[in-house]
Amino acid sequence: MFAVSSALKNLRRYARRSALYALVCAAAVLTLQGYAAGIGRGAAQLAALPDAMPVSARAASLDGSRFDGLQIPETVADGLIASEHVTGLRLTVLMGGYIGASPEDYLENQLSGYVAGANGFAALEGLPPDAVEWLSGYDGTFLQGREAACIADAALMARYGWRVGDVIPLNPIRFEYLDRGGLSYHETARLDTRIVGAANLSSALASPAGIVLPFETVRALFHRLDAKFSASSASFFVRDAARLNEFKAEMKELGLKSVVTDGSAAVAVMMNAGAALMVNDAAFISAATRLREALSLLRGFLPAIALALAAIGYFAAYLMIQSRREEYAVLRLLGMSRRGCMALYFTDMAALTLGGSVLGALLSIALGIGGLGAGALVSALFSVCFTLGGVLALARLGRVNVMLALARAE
């Protein structure tokens, strides 16, 4: 209690010096808070980067020249559907087709566009939702199921006199690309499908479609015929771009390769094999690398800052204590032990350091540099480093010769 009461008296007695010491502490905490806030902002930007810069990817031909009309193996399509690294997956499949009951009707009644399958409305990239005339009770979500329902092109509907809600006799024809660039056609089975939406489909897909069915409806048709199924296009976003390496490793396991620019890809390209994956991650990787380097640099300064704070604490305490050498000598001659004197001066410094730290933290909050939690953490770090320097200064004072200190003027 004596040390505390004496410390309070000394704070009033040396008001100017105490105020200067506290202001030094406040300025140091304010600066340190700015440094911590910079690290916090950098870490927050790095954490938010995957959402701010989403990484897209799409299946491609092995030379990277084509993204639609491919043969993407069913195992790859299933792997993409099941992958925890994939979000916003858009799958399509293309077939030919005609309207009628027999193949003889093909030349007269062949569709002006492809019969396409899509796993969601987002796969129809050129078609806004409000451009579709829907049958009551339907919307784009029907493409996520496997109902025998479709969106028909408005021009095709006008040609046949169809209306939304009609059931049409659709005969899809599946394609198969050959190893030398040829294309074979295979009859499937008639599919009576209900028109649940009408729209201008000319720009809905890269390949113009006359009829759009659910992706799973088309796949089920292939399975009924025991025919090999393959998707025609696949595009998506990486769910967590911070885990790009894990994502790429999984894609390699699925059999998707990097784009090959030499002639070794020729046969696969002629087969329109969807064997490659193009990942648009260059901008994300560049931004993430810059942020990580900046954070590493800032964090690397932390030991130097701690040493600098300890040094400032030492010199500030040393200069303050040197001005009270005579007082120290008198207290010792009056019978106060060295430990008691050290406790008295330490209490002085601790009170000023704590007060200055709190002032600096409050100023940082008022200026919007940091919050309450960060201010408390920074103040604690500063107080430890600064007090350590003060302790070193007190240890030096403890070695002062009492008689010599009295003989020397303040």
Protein backbone atom coordinates (compact mmCIF):
# COMPACT_ATOMS: atom_id res chain seq x y z
CA MET A 1 0.00 0.00 0.00
CA PHE A 2 2.88 2.32 0.73
CA ALA A 3 4.24 1.83 -2.77
CA VAL A 4 0.84 2.58 -4.31
CA SER A 5 0.20 5.71 -2.23
CA SER A 6 3.74 6.97 -2.84
CA ALA A 7 3.37 6.30 -6.56
CA LEU A 8 0.21 8.41 -6.69
CA LYS A 9 1.97 11.25 -4.92
CA ASN A 10 4.92 11.02 -7.29
CA LEU A 11 2.59 11.14 -10.30
CA ARG A 12 1.29 14.49 -9.05
CA ARG A 13 4.73 15.71 -7.99
CA TYR A 14 6.26 14.98 -11.40
CA ALA A 15 3.15 15.77 -13.40
CA ARG A 16 4.91 16.98 -16.56
CA ARG A 17 7.31 14.07 -16.73
CA SER A 18 4.47 11.63 -15.98
CA ALA A 19 2.31 13.14 -18.70
CA LEU A 20 5.16 12.95 -21.22
CA TYR A 21 5.83 9.31 -20.32
CA ALA A 22 2.12 8.44 -20.67
CA LEU A 23 1.94 10.23 -24.05
CA VAL A 24 4.94 8.24 -25.28
CA CYS A 25 3.11 5.08 -24.26
CA ALA A 26 -0.12 6.23 -25.94
CA ALA A 27 1.71 7.09 -29.19
CA ALA A 28 3.47 3.72 -29.16
CA VAL A 29 0.19 1.83 -28.62
CA LEU A 30 -1.51 3.86 -31.35
CA THR A 31 1.28 3.01 -33.78
CA LEU A 32 1.25 -0.65 -32.79
CA GLN A 33 -2.51 -0.74 -33.19
CA GLY A 34 -2.14 0.58 -36.73
CA TYR A 35 0.40 -2.16 -37.43
CA ALA A 36 -1.93 -4.83 -36.01
CA ALA A 37 -4.85 -3.41 -37.98
CA GLY A 38 -2.80 -3.69 -41.17
CA ILE A 39 -2.16 -7.37 -40.47
CA GLY A 40 -5.84 -7.88 -39.66
CA ARG A 41 -7.00 -6.22 -42.88
CA GLY A 42 -4.55 -8.29 -44.91
CA ALA A 43 -5.71 -11.52 -43.27
CA ALA A 44 -9.37 -10.56 -43.82
CA GLN A 45 -8.72 -9.77 -47.49
CA LEU A 46 -6.97 -13.12 -47.94
CA ALA A 47 -9.87 -14.94 -46.27
CA ALA A 48 -12.41 -13.08 -48.45
CA LEU A 49 -10.43 -13.50 -51.67
CA PRO A 50 -12.11 -16.77 -52.78
CA ASP A 51 -15.51 -15.01 -52.72
CA ALA A 52 -14.20 -11.77 -54.21
CA MET A 53 -12.34 -13.52 -57.03
CA PRO A 54 -14.17 -16.80 -57.75
CA VAL A 55 -12.16 -19.32 -59.74
CA SER A 56 -14.01 -20.80 -62.69
CA ALA A 57 -13.15 -23.97 -64.58
CA ARG A 58 -14.45 -25.84 -67.58
CA ALA A 59 -13.82 -29.06 -69.42
CA ALA A 60 -12.06 -28.64 -72.75
CA SER A 61 -10.63 -30.57 -75.64
CA LEU A 62 -7.10 -31.70 -74.97
CA ASP A 63 -5.63 -28.78 -76.92
CA GLY A 64 -7.94 -26.26 -75.22
CA SER A 65 -9.62 -25.23 -78.49
CA ARG A 66 -13.18 -26.46 -77.74
CA PHE A 67 -15.50 -26.33 -74.76
CA ASP A 68 -18.78 -27.54 -76.26
CA GLY A 69 -19.82 -30.56 -78.29
CA LEU A 70 -17.33 -32.71 -76.41
CA GLN A 71 -17.37 -36.30 -75.21
CA ILE A 72 -16.92 -35.99 -71.46
CA PRO A 73 -17.02 -39.47 -69.89
CA GLU A 74 -19.91 -40.21 -67.56
CA THR A 75 -17.44 -41.05 -64.78
CA VAL A 76 -16.05 -37.51 -65.03
CA ALA A 77 -19.55 -35.99 -64.95
CA ASP A 78 -20.43 -38.06 -61.87
CA GLY A 79 -17.14 -37.11 -60.22
CA LEU A 80 -17.87 -33.42 -60.75
CA ILE A 81 -21.39 -33.83 -59.36
CA ALA A 82 -20.07 -35.57 -56.23
CA SER A 83 -17.01 -33.39 -55.68
CA GLU A 84 -16.92 -31.23 -52.54
CA HIS A 85 -14.65 -28.79 -54.42
CA VAL A 86 -17.18 -28.02 -57.16
CA THR A 87 -20.06 -25.56 -56.97
CA GLY A 88 -22.39 -24.08 -59.58
CA LEU A 89 -21.88 -27.06 -61.89
CA ARG A 90 -23.40 -26.62 -65.36
CA LEU A 91 -23.65 -29.77 -67.49
CA THR A 92 -25.09 -30.16 -70.98
CA VAL A 93 -25.50 -33.00 -73.46
CA LEU A 94 -26.31 -32.68 -77.16
CA MET A 95 -28.25 -34.98 -79.50
CA GLY A 96 -30.02 -34.71 -82.80
CA GLY A 97 -33.68 -35.47 -83.23
CA TYR A 98 -36.82 -35.45 -85.30
CA ILE A 99 -40.56 -35.31 -84.75
CA GLY A 100 -42.59 -38.28 -85.87
CA ALA A 101 -43.23 -41.93 -85.35
CA SER A 102 -40.65 -43.49 -87.69
CA PRO A 103 -37.16 -42.77 -89.07
CA GLU A 104 -38.72 -42.11 -92.51
CA ASP A 105 -40.04 -38.85 -91.10
CA TYR A 106 -36.52 -37.66 -90.29
CA LEU A 107 -35.73 -35.65 -93.44
CA GLU A 108 -39.07 -33.90 -93.41
CA ASN A 109 -39.38 -33.39 -89.68
CA GLN A 110 -35.81 -33.13 -88.43
CA LEU A 111 -35.25 -30.44 -85.80
CA SER A 112 -33.60 -27.21 -86.87
CA GLY A 113 -31.43 -27.36 -83.73
CA TYR A 114 -30.03 -29.88 -81.29
CA VAL A 115 -31.91 -31.73 -78.61
CA ALA A 116 -30.03 -30.57 -75.55
CA GLY A 117 -29.97 -31.73 -71.97
CA ALA A 118 -29.12 -29.30 -69.17
CA ASN A 119 -28.79 -29.91 -65.44
CA GLY A 120 -30.15 -26.50 -64.48
CA PHE A 121 -31.34 -23.20 -65.89
CA ALA A 122 -27.89 -21.67 -65.31
CA ALA A 123 -26.56 -23.97 -68.08
CA LEU A 124 -28.69 -21.97 -70.53
CA GLU A 125 -26.32 -19.03 -70.23
CA GLY A 126 -27.85 -16.93 -73.01
CA LEU A 127 -31.43 -17.27 -71.80
CA PRO A 128 -32.77 -14.98 -69.05
CA PRO A 129 -35.45 -16.59 -66.82
CA ASP A 130 -38.08 -13.98 -67.69
CA ALA A 131 -37.73 -14.79 -71.41
CA VAL A 132 -39.50 -18.14 -70.97
CA GLU A 133 -43.24 -18.63 -71.19
CA TRP A 134 -43.84 -21.27 -68.51
CA LEU A 135 -46.63 -23.76 -68.09
CA SER A 136 -48.42 -23.04 -64.81
CA GLY A 137 -46.56 -24.63 -61.91
CA TYR A 138 -43.23 -24.91 -63.72
CA ASP A 139 -39.99 -22.95 -63.69
CA GLY A 140 -36.32 -23.61 -64.45
CA THR A 141 -35.95 -26.01 -61.53
CA PHE A 142 -37.57 -28.81 -63.55
CA LEU A 143 -34.23 -29.19 -65.36
CA GLN A 144 -32.73 -30.49 -62.10
CA GLY A 145 -35.06 -33.51 -62.17
CA ARG A 146 -35.68 -36.28 -64.67
CA GLU A 147 -39.23 -35.59 -65.84
CA ALA A 148 -40.11 -36.07 -69.53
CA ALA A 149 -40.64 -32.34 -69.94
CA CYS A 150 -38.90 -29.74 -72.09
CA ILE A 151 -38.45 -26.14 -73.16
CA ALA A 152 -39.16 -25.76 -76.89
CA ASP A 153 -37.89 -23.12 -79.27
CA ALA A 154 -40.59 -20.60 -80.21
CA ALA A 155 -39.86 -20.90 -83.96
CA LEU A 156 -40.15 -24.70 -83.76
CA MET A 157 -43.46 -24.39 -81.94
CA ALA A 158 -44.80 -22.04 -84.60
CA ARG A 159 -43.70 -24.49 -87.32
CA TYR A 160 -45.69 -27.35 -85.81
CA GLY A 161 -48.48 -25.31 -84.22
CA TRP A 162 -47.54 -26.43 -80.73
CA ARG A 163 -48.60 -24.70 -77.53
CA VAL A 164 -47.21 -24.79 -74.03
CA GLY A 165 -48.59 -27.89 -72.32
CA ASP A 166 -48.68 -30.05 -75.47
CA VAL A 167 -47.06 -33.50 -75.48
CA ILE A 168 -44.84 -34.02 -78.52
CA PRO A 169 -43.47 -37.27 -80.08
CA LEU A 170 -39.71 -36.60 -79.87
CA ASN A 171 -37.20 -39.04 -81.36
CA PRO A 172 -33.70 -38.17 -80.12
CA ILE A 173 -30.65 -39.34 -82.07
CA ARG A 174 -27.39 -39.79 -80.21
CA PHE A 175 -24.00 -38.89 -81.67
CA GLU A 176 -20.72 -40.71 -81.29
CA TYR A 177 -17.42 -39.17 -82.41
CA LEU A 178 -14.99 -41.53 -84.10
CA ASP A 179 -11.22 -41.59 -83.65
CA ARG A 180 -10.52 -39.84 -86.98
CA GLY A 181 -13.01 -37.05 -86.68
CA GLY A 182 -15.98 -38.94 -88.06
CA LEU A 183 -19.43 -38.86 -86.53
CA SER A 184 -21.87 -41.76 -86.26
CA TYR A 185 -25.60 -41.47 -85.54
CA HIS A 186 -27.63 -43.92 -83.46
CA GLU A 187 -31.39 -44.16 -83.10
CA THR A 188 -32.71 -44.08 -79.55
CA ALA A 189 -36.29 -44.55 -78.39
CA ARG A 190 -39.25 -42.28 -78.85
CA LEU A 191 -39.73 -39.93 -75.94
CA ASP A 192 -43.14 -38.35 -75.49
CA THR A 193 -42.31 -35.12 -73.70
CA ARG A 194 -44.48 -32.27 -72.45
CA ILE A 195 -43.65 -28.69 -73.41
CA VAL A 196 -43.50 -26.81 -70.10
CA GLY A 197 -41.71 -23.72 -71.43
CA ALA A 198 -41.37 -21.78 -74.68
CA ALA A 199 -38.55 -19.37 -75.55
CA ASN A 200 -36.15 -18.25 -78.25
CA LEU A 201 -33.40 -20.83 -77.76
CA SER A 202 -31.10 -19.58 -80.51
CA SER A 203 -28.64 -18.06 -77.99
CA ALA A 204 -29.33 -20.27 -74.98
CA LEU A 205 -26.39 -22.59 -75.67
CA ALA A 206 -23.18 -22.47 -77.68
CA SER A 207 -24.82 -24.96 -80.05
CA PRO A 208 -28.37 -23.84 -81.03
CA ALA A 209 -31.06 -26.08 -79.59
CA GLY A 210 -34.65 -26.68 -80.60
CA ILE A 211 -35.55 -28.72 -77.51
CA VAL A 212 -34.04 -28.60 -74.00
CA LEU A 213 -34.62 -31.55 -71.67
CA PRO A 214 -33.42 -32.24 -68.13
CA PHE A 215 -29.87 -33.64 -68.14
CA GLU A 216 -30.89 -36.68 -66.09
CA THR A 217 -33.79 -37.42 -68.45
CA VAL A 218 -31.35 -37.70 -71.34
CA ARG A 219 -28.95 -39.80 -69.27
CA ALA A 220 -31.76 -42.19 -68.29
CA LEU A 221 -32.62 -42.57 -71.98
CA PHE A 222 -29.03 -43.67 -72.74
CA HIS A 223 -29.06 -46.10 -69.82
CA ARG A 224 -32.30 -47.73 -71.00
CA LEU A 225 -30.58 -48.44 -74.30
CA ASP A 226 -27.32 -49.60 -72.65
CA ALA A 227 -25.57 -46.89 -74.68
CA LYS A 228 -22.39 -45.11 -73.61
CA PHE A 229 -23.31 -41.73 -72.17
CA SER A 230 -21.12 -38.64 -72.25
CA ALA A 231 -21.72 -34.99 -71.45
CA SER A 232 -21.09 -32.32 -74.07
CA SER A 233 -19.91 -29.50 -71.80
CA ALA A 234 -19.10 -28.93 -68.15
CA SER A 235 -18.33 -25.68 -66.38
CA PHE A 236 -18.32 -24.71 -62.71
CA PHE A 237 -16.67 -22.71 -59.94
CA VAL A 238 -14.17 -23.95 -57.39
CA ARG A 239 -15.97 -23.96 -54.04
CA ASP A 240 -12.93 -22.91 -52.00
CA ALA A 241 -10.15 -21.38 -54.07
CA ALA A 242 -7.87 -21.53 -51.03
CA ARG A 243 -7.82 -25.34 -51.56
CA LEU A 244 -6.83 -25.23 -55.23
CA ASN A 245 -4.14 -27.88 -54.85
CA GLU A 246 -6.60 -30.37 -53.36
CA PHE A 247 -9.10 -29.56 -56.11
CA LYS A 248 -6.57 -30.08 -58.89
CA ALA A 249 -5.41 -33.36 -57.38
CA GLU A 250 -9.00 -34.63 -57.39
CA MET A 251 -9.51 -33.53 -61.00
CA LYS A 252 -6.40 -35.51 -62.01
CA GLU A 253 -7.84 -38.57 -60.31
CA LEU A 254 -10.98 -38.11 -62.42
CA GLY A 255 -8.80 -38.25 -65.54
CA LEU A 256 -8.88 -34.57 -66.51
CA LYS A 257 -5.49 -33.39 -67.79
CA SER A 258 -3.82 -30.06 -68.37
CA VAL A 259 -4.13 -28.56 -71.84
CA VAL A 260 -1.54 -29.94 -74.28
CA THR A 261 -0.27 -27.56 -76.97
CA ASP A 262 1.95 -29.94 -78.95
CA GLY A 263 0.84 -32.39 -81.64
CA SER A 264 0.38 -35.30 -79.23
CA ALA A 265 -3.24 -34.24 -78.62
CA ALA A 266 -4.32 -34.61 -82.26
CA VAL A 267 -6.22 -37.90 -82.02
CA ALA A 268 -8.03 -36.93 -78.82
CA VAL A 269 -8.96 -33.57 -80.38
CA MET A 270 -10.41 -35.24 -83.48
CA MET A 271 -12.49 -37.43 -81.18
CA ASN A 272 -13.70 -34.28 -79.40
CA ALA A 273 -12.65 -35.90 -76.15
CA GLY A 274 -13.36 -33.73 -73.12
CA ALA A 275 -10.11 -34.81 -71.55
CA ALA A 276 -8.68 -31.50 -70.30
CA LEU A 277 -9.61 -28.97 -67.66
CA MET A 278 -8.98 -25.25 -67.96
CA VAL A 279 -8.90 -23.48 -64.59
CA ASN A 280 -8.99 -19.68 -64.62
CA ASP A 281 -6.94 -19.26 -61.48
CA ALA A 282 -4.09 -17.00 -62.62
CA ALA A 283 -5.62 -13.78 -61.23
CA PHE A 284 -6.54 -15.44 -57.93
CA ILE A 285 -3.12 -17.01 -57.46
CA SER A 286 -1.39 -13.70 -58.24
CA ALA A 287 -3.56 -11.76 -55.77
CA ALA A 288 -3.26 -14.44 -53.06
CA THR A 289 0.52 -14.57 -53.49
CA ARG A 290 0.84 -10.81 -53.13
CA LEU A 291 -1.35 -10.81 -50.01
CA ARG A 292 0.56 -13.70 -48.43
CA GLU A 293 3.89 -12.01 -49.13
CA ALA A 294 2.64 -8.74 -47.62
CA LEU A 295 1.33 -10.55 -44.53
CA SER A 296 4.58 -12.49 -44.17
CA LEU A 297 6.55 -9.26 -44.38
CA LEU A 298 4.37 -7.52 -41.78
CA ARG A 299 4.50 -10.46 -39.39
CA GLY A 300 8.24 -10.72 -39.87
CA PHE A 301 8.61 -7.28 -38.31
CA LEU A 302 6.96 -8.38 -35.06
CA PRO A 303 10.15 -9.48 -33.24
CA ALA A 304 11.90 -6.25 -34.28
CA ILE A 305 8.94 -4.20 -33.07
CA ALA A 306 8.95 -6.03 -29.73
CA LEU A 307 12.66 -5.29 -29.31
CA ALA A 308 12.13 -1.67 -30.32
CA LEU A 309 9.34 -1.28 -27.75
CA ALA A 310 11.55 -2.80 -25.05
CA ALA A 311 14.36 -0.42 -26.02
CA ILE A 312 12.04 2.60 -25.96
CA GLY A 313 10.70 1.46 -22.60
CA TYR A 314 14.23 1.15 -21.30
CA PHE A 315 15.33 4.60 -22.43
CA ALA A 316 12.10 6.30 -21.33
CA ALA A 317 12.31 4.68 -17.89
CA TYR A 318 16.05 5.36 -17.67
CA LEU A 319 15.66 9.07 -18.40
CA MET A 320 12.79 9.37 -15.95
CA ILE A 321 14.62 7.49 -13.20
CA GLN A 322 17.90 9.33 -13.70
CA SER A 323 16.14 12.55 -12.79
CA ARG A 324 15.21 10.95 -9.46
CA ARG A 325 18.60 9.59 -8.43
CA GLU A 326 18.82 11.95 -5.45
CA GLU A 327 15.37 10.90 -4.32
CA TYR A 328 16.45 7.26 -4.56
CA ALA A 329 19.56 7.96 -2.49
CA VAL A 330 17.57 9.85 0.20
CA LEU A 331 15.05 7.01 0.46
CA ARG A 332 17.84 4.52 0.88
CA LEU A 333 19.49 6.64 3.61
CA LEU A 334 16.15 6.93 5.39
CA GLY A 335 16.11 3.19 5.69
CA MET A 336 14.05 2.00 2.68
CA SER A 337 15.43 -1.21 1.28
CA ARG A 338 16.59 -1.53 -2.29
CA ARG A 339 13.66 -3.84 -2.97
CA GLY A 340 11.25 -1.26 -1.55
CA CYS A 341 12.70 1.46 -3.75
CA MET A 342 12.47 -0.77 -6.82
CA ALA A 343 8.84 -1.59 -5.96
CA LEU A 344 8.06 2.13 -5.61
CA TYR A 345 9.53 3.09 -8.97
CA PHE A 346 8.13 0.00 -10.67
CA THR A 347 4.64 0.94 -9.44
CA ASP A 348 5.16 4.44 -10.87
CA MET A 349 6.14 3.07 -14.27
CA ALA A 350 3.47 0.38 -14.32
CA ALA A 351 0.74 2.92 -13.58
CA LEU A 352 1.99 5.29 -16.29
CA THR A 353 2.46 2.48 -18.81
CA LEU A 354 -1.01 1.11 -18.15
CA GLY A 355 -2.58 4.56 -18.31
CA GLY A 356 -0.77 5.42 -21.54
CA SER A 357 -1.72 2.06 -23.06
CA VAL A 358 -5.39 2.55 -22.25
CA LEU A 359 -5.24 6.08 -23.69
CA GLY A 360 -3.64 4.81 -26.88
CA ALA A 361 -6.21 2.02 -27.20
CA LEU A 362 -9.10 4.45 -26.72
CA LEU A 363 -7.62 6.83 -29.31
CA SER A 364 -7.27 3.97 -31.81
CA ILE A 365 -10.93 3.02 -31.27
CA ALA A 366 -12.02 6.65 -31.64
CA LEU A 367 -10.02 6.99 -34.87
CA GLY A 368 -11.43 3.73 -36.21
CA ILE A 369 -8.03 2.03 -36.38
CA GLY A 370 -8.97 -0.98 -34.27
CA GLY A 371 -11.64 -2.49 -32.06
CA LEU A 372 -11.87 -3.15 -28.35
CA GLY A 373 -10.53 -6.70 -28.49
CA ALA A 374 -7.59 -5.78 -30.70
CA GLY A 375 -6.89 -2.75 -28.50
CA ALA A 376 -6.72 -4.90 -25.37
CA LEU A 377 -4.39 -7.39 -27.06
CA VAL A 378 -2.08 -4.68 -28.40
CA SER A 379 -2.05 -2.87 -25.05
CA ALA A 380 -1.09 -6.08 -23.26
CA LEU A 381 1.73 -6.77 -25.74
CA PHE A 382 2.99 -3.22 -25.48
CA SER A 383 2.82 -3.19 -21.68
CA VAL A 384 4.85 -6.40 -21.43
CA CYS A 385 7.57 -5.18 -23.80
CA PHE A 386 7.66 -1.65 -22.41
CA THR A 387 7.69 -2.80 -18.78
CA LEU A 388 10.53 -5.21 -19.57
CA GLY A 389 12.61 -2.26 -20.70
CA GLY A 390 11.66 -0.39 -17.53
CA VAL A 391 12.74 -3.33 -15.37
CA LEU A 392 16.15 -3.29 -17.04
CA ALA A 393 16.44 0.42 -16.28
CA LEU A 394 15.49 -0.19 -12.64
CA ALA A 395 18.08 -2.93 -12.36
CA ARG A 396 20.69 -0.42 -13.45
CA LEU A 397 19.43 2.11 -10.89
CA GLY A 398 19.79 -0.51 -8.17
CA ARG A 399 23.53 -0.55 -8.73
CA VAL A 400 23.91 3.22 -8.15
CA ASN A 401 26.19 4.22 -5.24
CA VAL A 402 24.01 6.10 -2.72
CA MET A 403 26.73 8.56 -1.57
CA LEU A 404 27.80 9.24 -5.14
CA ALA A 405 24.22 9.94 -6.12
CA LEU A 406 23.85 12.48 -3.30
CA ALA A 407 27.11 14.18 -4.23
CA ARG A 408 26.03 14.63 -7.88
CA ALA A 409 23.53 17.36 -8.74
CA GLU A 410 20.23 16.34 -10.23
